[in-house]
Amino acid sequence: MSTPTPAILYIHGFNSSPESHKARILVARMEALGLGDRIRVPALSDRPERAALQLEAEVERLLPGGLALVGSSLGGYYATWLAERHGLRAVLVNPAVRPYELLADYLGPQQNLYTGERYELVAEHITALRALDVERVSHPGRFLLLLQSGDETLDFRQALRKYPDSPRILMAGGSHGFENFEAVAERVLRFCGVPPNGL
């Protein structure tokens, strides 16, 4: 009896959505393999404590059939927290390492880049993010880092220090959005446990 293909839970970043470029690429690849029902990309609340509850509900629903995580930017921070709680594999794309420090400089009005939704980033968001911090990952091999040195938002070296023993793909140049994600999409799927033929 063959092992079922793990589901993928894609976790988008700050002020992003399920319509992000990377999410759409992975959804399209999974659909092409006949596995469109094995990838979930929830629209997360801007409030970290609510986003955490959403993600836990997704894990509870998907975990029995096997599950891997893909997190971009702030989604990489959430993915690290979930991976440690549930012993999951996770691909981290230009991950935020200390978002509670970075976002402290952005308190005030915000607007989601995709939905246009407006909200206020307040100190409680920062406190809730800090509560999800994982000081040190217990199994570095469960994490695959995808980094571009040209990330204009986050210093990629923070991720190298946070996950020094994890496998990685480090590309020169690029951007925070991770340019040419198509070139690494297959590697992402393989790390998540999705076979090339989708079976």
C-alpha atoms as a PDB file:
ATOM      1  CA  MET A   1       0.000   0.000   0.000  1.00  0.00           C
ATOM      2  CA  SER A   2       1.523   3.331  -1.055  1.00  0.00           C
ATOM      3  CA  THR A   3       2.059   6.191   1.380  1.00  0.00           C
ATOM      4  CA  PRO A   4      -0.393   9.040   0.770  1.00  0.00           C
ATOM      5  CA  THR A   5       1.031  12.278  -0.604  1.00  0.00           C
ATOM      6  CA  PRO A   6       1.371  14.821   2.198  1.00  0.00           C
ATOM      7  CA  ALA A   7      -0.778  17.906   2.093  1.00  0.00           C
ATOM      8  CA  ILE A   8       0.919  21.304   1.894  1.00  0.00           C
ATOM      9  CA  LEU A   9      -0.143  24.212   4.049  1.00  0.00           C
ATOM     10  CA  TYR A  10       1.117  27.448   2.484  1.00  0.00           C
ATOM     11  CA  ILE A  11       1.402  30.329   4.960  1.00  0.00           C
ATOM     12  CA  HIS A  12       1.501  33.776   3.397  1.00  0.00           C
ATOM     13  CA  GLY A  13       3.339  36.785   4.772  1.00  0.00           C
ATOM     14  CA  PHE A  14       2.531  40.173   6.268  1.00  0.00           C
ATOM     15  CA  ASN A  15      -0.135  42.082   4.297  1.00  0.00           C
ATOM     16  CA  SER A  16      -0.213  39.274   1.736  1.00  0.00           C
ATOM     17  CA  SER A  17      -2.910  36.779   0.761  1.00  0.00           C
ATOM     18  CA  PRO A  18      -3.615  33.449  -0.968  1.00  0.00           C
ATOM     19  CA  GLU A  19      -3.209  35.357  -4.250  1.00  0.00           C
ATOM     20  CA  SER A  20       0.529  35.836  -3.738  1.00  0.00           C
ATOM     21  CA  HIS A  21       2.758  34.831  -6.643  1.00  0.00           C
ATOM     22  CA  LYS A  22       4.496  31.982  -4.815  1.00  0.00           C
ATOM     23  CA  ALA A  23       1.249  30.536  -3.504  1.00  0.00           C
ATOM     24  CA  ARG A  24      -0.282  30.554  -6.984  1.00  0.00           C
ATOM     25  CA  ILE A  25       2.765  28.796  -8.430  1.00  0.00           C
ATOM     26  CA  LEU A  26       2.586  25.978  -5.893  1.00  0.00           C
ATOM     27  CA  VAL A  27      -1.174  25.611  -6.282  1.00  0.00           C
ATOM     28  CA  ALA A  28      -0.761  25.380 -10.066  1.00  0.00           C
ATOM     29  CA  ARG A  29       1.979  22.740  -9.731  1.00  0.00           C
ATOM     30  CA  MET A  30      -0.119  20.664  -7.357  1.00  0.00           C
ATOM     31  CA  GLU A  31      -3.148  20.939  -9.632  1.00  0.00           C
ATOM     32  CA  ALA A  32      -1.044  19.824 -12.600  1.00  0.00           C
ATOM     33  CA  LEU A  33      -0.129  16.716 -10.603  1.00  0.00           C
ATOM     34  CA  GLY A  34      -3.778  16.030  -9.845  1.00  0.00           C
ATOM     35  CA  LEU A  35      -3.226  17.050  -6.226  1.00  0.00           C
ATOM     36  CA  GLY A  36      -5.108  20.318  -6.078  1.00  0.00           C
ATOM     37  CA  ASP A  37      -7.039  19.069  -3.058  1.00  0.00           C
ATOM     38  CA  ARG A  38      -3.742  18.516  -1.180  1.00  0.00           C
ATOM     39  CA  ILE A  39      -2.722  22.156  -0.844  1.00  0.00           C
ATOM     40  CA  ARG A  40      -4.306  24.766   1.404  1.00  0.00           C
ATOM     41  CA  VAL A  41      -3.600  28.500   1.372  1.00  0.00           C
ATOM     42  CA  PRO A  42      -5.750  30.139   4.053  1.00  0.00           C
ATOM     43  CA  ALA A  43      -6.298  33.891   4.196  1.00  0.00           C
ATOM     44  CA  LEU A  44      -4.855  34.746   7.585  1.00  0.00           C
ATOM     45  CA  SER A  45      -6.066  37.336  10.051  1.00  0.00           C
ATOM     46  CA  ASP A  46      -3.833  40.352  10.558  1.00  0.00           C
ATOM     47  CA  ARG A  47      -3.967  39.582  14.296  1.00  0.00           C
ATOM     48  CA  PRO A  48      -1.264  37.005  15.139  1.00  0.00           C
ATOM     49  CA  GLU A  49      -3.269  35.292  17.873  1.00  0.00           C
ATOM     50  CA  ARG A  50      -6.159  34.744  15.436  1.00  0.00           C
ATOM     51  CA  ALA A  51      -3.813  33.655  12.652  1.00  0.00           C
ATOM     52  CA  ALA A  52      -2.288  31.112  15.040  1.00  0.00           C
ATOM     53  CA  LEU A  53      -5.739  29.672  15.783  1.00  0.00           C
ATOM     54  CA  GLN A  54      -6.529  29.500  12.063  1.00  0.00           C
ATOM     55  CA  LEU A  55      -3.294  27.657  11.381  1.00  0.00           C
ATOM     56  CA  GLU A  56      -3.803  25.220  14.237  1.00  0.00           C
ATOM     57  CA  ALA A  57      -7.256  24.405  12.861  1.00  0.00           C
ATOM     58  CA  GLU A  58      -5.741  23.742   9.415  1.00  0.00           C
ATOM     59  CA  VAL A  59      -3.064  21.484  10.912  1.00  0.00           C
ATOM     60  CA  GLU A  60      -5.655  19.546  12.886  1.00  0.00           C
ATOM     61  CA  ARG A  61      -7.671  18.980   9.716  1.00  0.00           C
ATOM     62  CA  LEU A  62      -4.754  18.073   7.450  1.00  0.00           C
ATOM     63  CA  LEU A  63      -2.284  16.309   9.733  1.00  0.00           C
ATOM     64  CA  PRO A  64      -3.848  12.821   9.707  1.00  0.00           C
ATOM     65  CA  GLY A  65      -3.059  12.457   5.993  1.00  0.00           C
ATOM     66  CA  GLY A  66       0.484  13.799   6.281  1.00  0.00           C
ATOM     67  CA  LEU A  67       1.443  17.461   6.160  1.00  0.00           C
ATOM     68  CA  ALA A  68       4.298  19.804   5.275  1.00  0.00           C
ATOM     69  CA  LEU A  69       4.492  23.587   5.581  1.00  0.00           C
ATOM     70  CA  VAL A  70       5.668  26.339   3.260  1.00  0.00           C
ATOM     71  CA  GLY A  71       5.949  29.784   4.817  1.00  0.00           C
ATOM     72  CA  SER A  72       6.972  33.072   3.218  1.00  0.00           C
ATOM     73  CA  SER A  73       8.337  36.009   5.238  1.00  0.00           C
ATOM     74  CA  LEU A  74       6.090  36.291   8.318  1.00  0.00           C
ATOM     75  CA  GLY A  75       4.626  32.986   7.158  1.00  0.00           C
ATOM     76  CA  GLY A  76       8.067  31.462   7.683  1.00  0.00           C
ATOM     77  CA  TYR A  77       7.954  32.610  11.302  1.00  0.00           C
ATOM     78  CA  TYR A  78       4.534  31.032  11.746  1.00  0.00           C
ATOM     79  CA  ALA A  79       5.725  27.878   9.970  1.00  0.00           C
ATOM     80  CA  THR A  80       8.670  27.524  12.360  1.00  0.00           C
ATOM     81  CA  TRP A  81       6.319  27.733  15.333  1.00  0.00           C
ATOM     82  CA  LEU A  82       3.949  25.147  13.845  1.00  0.00           C
ATOM     83  CA  ALA A  83       6.744  22.820  12.747  1.00  0.00           C
ATOM     84  CA  GLU A  84       8.175  22.743  16.261  1.00  0.00           C
ATOM     85  CA  ARG A  85       4.770  22.147  17.856  1.00  0.00           C
ATOM     86  CA  HIS A  86       3.808  19.299  15.536  1.00  0.00           C
ATOM     87  CA  GLY A  87       7.097  17.829  14.288  1.00  0.00           C
ATOM     88  CA  LEU A  88       6.542  18.911  10.672  1.00  0.00           C
ATOM     89  CA  ARG A  89       8.814  19.650   7.748  1.00  0.00           C
ATOM     90  CA  ALA A  90       8.816  23.258   6.609  1.00  0.00           C
ATOM     91  CA  VAL A  91      10.149  25.264   3.679  1.00  0.00           C
ATOM     92  CA  LEU A  92      10.953  28.837   4.730  1.00  0.00           C
ATOM     93  CA  VAL A  93      11.075  31.431   1.948  1.00  0.00           C
ATOM     94  CA  ASN A  94      12.964  34.598   2.955  1.00  0.00           C
ATOM     95  CA  PRO A  95      11.624  34.013   6.472  1.00  0.00           C
ATOM     96  CA  ALA A  96      11.143  36.684   9.104  1.00  0.00           C
ATOM     97  CA  VAL A  97      13.257  35.711  12.096  1.00  0.00           C
ATOM     98  CA  ARG A  98      12.289  38.441  14.586  1.00  0.00           C
ATOM     99  CA  PRO A  99       9.161  40.063  13.126  1.00  0.00           C
ATOM    100  CA  TYR A 100       8.243  41.496  16.511  1.00  0.00           C
ATOM    101  CA  GLU A 101      11.292  43.752  16.161  1.00  0.00           C
ATOM    102  CA  LEU A 102      10.822  44.596  12.491  1.00  0.00           C
ATOM    103  CA  LEU A 103       7.123  45.403  12.697  1.00  0.00           C
ATOM    104  CA  ALA A 104       7.510  47.537  15.806  1.00  0.00           C
ATOM    105  CA  ASP A 105       8.669  50.252  13.395  1.00  0.00           C
ATOM    106  CA  TYR A 106       5.435  49.996  11.380  1.00  0.00           C
ATOM    107  CA  LEU A 107       2.798  50.585  14.050  1.00  0.00           C
ATOM    108  CA  GLY A 108      -0.188  52.455  12.698  1.00  0.00           C
ATOM    109  CA  PRO A 109      -2.480  52.189   9.662  1.00  0.00           C
ATOM    110  CA  GLN A 110      -1.885  49.258   7.306  1.00  0.00           C
ATOM    111  CA  GLN A 111      -3.424  48.044   4.067  1.00  0.00           C
ATOM    112  CA  ASN A 112      -3.304  44.521   2.669  1.00  0.00           C
ATOM    113  CA  LEU A 113      -1.493  44.602  -0.684  1.00  0.00           C
ATOM    114  CA  TYR A 114      -3.935  42.182  -2.310  1.00  0.00           C
ATOM    115  CA  THR A 115      -7.323  42.688  -0.696  1.00  0.00           C
ATOM    116  CA  GLY A 116      -7.108  46.396   0.055  1.00  0.00           C
ATOM    117  CA  GLU A 117      -8.332  45.703   3.590  1.00  0.00           C
ATOM    118  CA  ARG A 118      -7.301  48.401   6.072  1.00  0.00           C
ATOM    119  CA  TYR A 119      -6.468  47.847   9.731  1.00  0.00           C
ATOM    120  CA  GLU A 120      -4.327  49.219  12.543  1.00  0.00           C
ATOM    121  CA  LEU A 121      -1.056  47.554  13.542  1.00  0.00           C
ATOM    122  CA  VAL A 122      -0.854  48.003  17.313  1.00  0.00           C
ATOM    123  CA  ALA A 123       1.414  47.009  20.194  1.00  0.00           C
ATOM    124  CA  GLU A 124      -0.768  43.975  20.947  1.00  0.00           C
ATOM    125  CA  HIS A 125       0.168  42.521  17.552  1.00  0.00           C
ATOM    126  CA  ILE A 126       3.843  42.735  18.500  1.00  0.00           C
ATOM    127  CA  THR A 127       3.276  41.094  21.889  1.00  0.00           C
ATOM    128  CA  ALA A 128       1.317  38.248  20.261  1.00  0.00           C
ATOM    129  CA  LEU A 129       4.074  37.683  17.698  1.00  0.00           C
ATOM    130  CA  ARG A 130       6.751  37.518  20.372  1.00  0.00           C
ATOM    131  CA  ALA A 131       4.748  34.813  22.165  1.00  0.00           C
ATOM    132  CA  LEU A 132       5.176  32.546  19.108  1.00  0.00           C
ATOM    133  CA  ASP A 133       8.967  32.832  19.006  1.00  0.00           C
ATOM    134  CA  VAL A 134      10.976  29.603  18.781  1.00  0.00           C
ATOM    135  CA  GLU A 135      14.342  30.271  20.374  1.00  0.00           C
ATOM    136  CA  ARG A 136      16.059  27.296  18.749  1.00  0.00           C
ATOM    137  CA  VAL A 137      14.756  24.656  16.353  1.00  0.00           C
ATOM    138  CA  SER A 138      15.089  21.116  17.659  1.00  0.00           C
ATOM    139  CA  HIS A 139      15.571  19.311  14.318  1.00  0.00           C
ATOM    140  CA  PRO A 140      17.326  21.550  11.746  1.00  0.00           C
ATOM    141  CA  GLY A 141      16.962  18.944   9.003  1.00  0.00           C
ATOM    142  CA  ARG A 142      13.206  19.460   8.994  1.00  0.00           C
ATOM    143  CA  PHE A 143      13.670  22.968   7.596  1.00  0.00           C
ATOM    144  CA  LEU A 144      14.660  24.014   4.077  1.00  0.00           C
ATOM    145  CA  LEU A 145      15.716  27.657   3.710  1.00  0.00           C
ATOM    146  CA  LEU A 146      15.151  29.533   0.467  1.00  0.00           C
ATOM    147  CA  LEU A 147      17.022  32.820   0.648  1.00  0.00           C
ATOM    148  CA  GLN A 148      17.936  35.627  -1.719  1.00  0.00           C
ATOM    149  CA  SER A 149      20.716  37.967  -0.676  1.00  0.00           C
ATOM    150  CA  GLY A 150      19.016  40.922  -2.379  1.00  0.00           C
ATOM    151  CA  ASP A 151      16.049  40.796   0.034  1.00  0.00           C
ATOM    152  CA  GLU A 152      15.341  44.484   0.615  1.00  0.00           C
ATOM    153  CA  THR A 153      13.110  43.883   3.649  1.00  0.00           C
ATOM    154  CA  LEU A 154      14.919  41.250   5.713  1.00  0.00           C
ATOM    155  CA  ASP A 155      18.618  40.551   6.258  1.00  0.00           C
ATOM    156  CA  PHE A 156      19.090  36.999   4.970  1.00  0.00           C
ATOM    157  CA  ARG A 157      21.987  36.549   7.392  1.00  0.00           C
ATOM    158  CA  GLN A 158      19.547  36.488  10.288  1.00  0.00           C
ATOM    159  CA  ALA A 159      18.018  33.317   8.852  1.00  0.00           C
ATOM    160  CA  LEU A 160      21.470  31.781   8.390  1.00  0.00           C
ATOM    161  CA  ARG A 161      22.182  32.401  12.055  1.00  0.00           C
ATOM    162  CA  LYS A 162      18.776  31.115  13.168  1.00  0.00           C
ATOM    163  CA  TYR A 163      18.956  27.893  11.109  1.00  0.00           C
ATOM    164  CA  PRO A 164      22.723  27.282  10.720  1.00  0.00           C
ATOM    165  CA  ASP A 165      22.429  23.521  10.258  1.00  0.00           C
ATOM    166  CA  SER A 166      19.383  23.430   7.979  1.00  0.00           C
ATOM    167  CA  PRO A 167      19.653  22.700   4.245  1.00  0.00           C
ATOM    168  CA  ARG A 168      19.409  25.841   2.164  1.00  0.00           C
ATOM    169  CA  ILE A 169      19.270  27.402  -1.250  1.00  0.00           C
ATOM    170  CA  LEU A 170      20.941  30.808  -1.151  1.00  0.00           C
ATOM    171  CA  MET A 171      20.762  32.853  -4.331  1.00  0.00           C
ATOM    172  CA  ALA A 172      22.677  36.062  -4.991  1.00  0.00           C
ATOM    173  CA  GLY A 173      20.520  39.099  -5.682  1.00  0.00           C
ATOM    174  CA  GLY A 174      16.790  38.683  -5.941  1.00  0.00           C
ATOM    175  CA  SER A 175      14.270  40.381  -3.670  1.00  0.00           C
ATOM    176  CA  HIS A 176      12.039  39.841  -0.666  1.00  0.00           C
ATOM    177  CA  GLY A 177       9.358  38.430  -2.955  1.00  0.00           C
ATOM    178  CA  PHE A 178      11.868  35.750  -4.063  1.00  0.00           C
ATOM    179  CA  GLU A 179      12.411  36.251  -7.765  1.00  0.00           C
ATOM    180  CA  ASN A 180      12.128  33.296 -10.139  1.00  0.00           C
ATOM    181  CA  PHE A 181      10.403  31.118  -7.553  1.00  0.00           C
ATOM    182  CA  GLU A 182       9.377  28.877 -10.443  1.00  0.00           C
ATOM    183  CA  ALA A 183      12.957  27.613 -10.619  1.00  0.00           C
ATOM    184  CA  VAL A 184      12.820  26.158  -7.093  1.00  0.00           C
ATOM    185  CA  ALA A 185       9.164  25.090  -6.967  1.00  0.00           C
ATOM    186  CA  GLU A 186       9.962  21.459  -7.761  1.00  0.00           C
ATOM    187  CA  ARG A 187      12.590  21.377  -5.005  1.00  0.00           C
ATOM    188  CA  VAL A 188      10.009  22.735  -2.607  1.00  0.00           C
ATOM    189  CA  LEU A 189       7.526  20.008  -3.513  1.00  0.00           C
ATOM    190  CA  ARG A 190      10.140  17.262  -3.217  1.00  0.00           C
ATOM    191  CA  PHE A 191      11.186  18.483   0.236  1.00  0.00           C
ATOM    192  CA  CYS A 192       7.532  18.453   1.263  1.00  0.00           C
ATOM    193  CA  GLY A 193       7.277  14.825   0.174  1.00  0.00           C
ATOM    194  CA  VAL A 194       5.339  15.271  -3.052  1.00  0.00           C
ATOM    195  CA  PRO A 195       6.610  12.741  -5.638  1.00  0.00           C
ATOM    196  CA  PRO A 196       7.402  13.930  -9.182  1.00  0.00           C
ATOM    197  CA  ASN A 197       4.489  12.064 -10.710  1.00  0.00           C
ATOM    198  CA  GLY A 198       2.056  13.119  -8.018  1.00  0.00           C
ATOM    199  CA  LEU A 199       1.156   9.574  -7.067  1.00  0.00           C
END
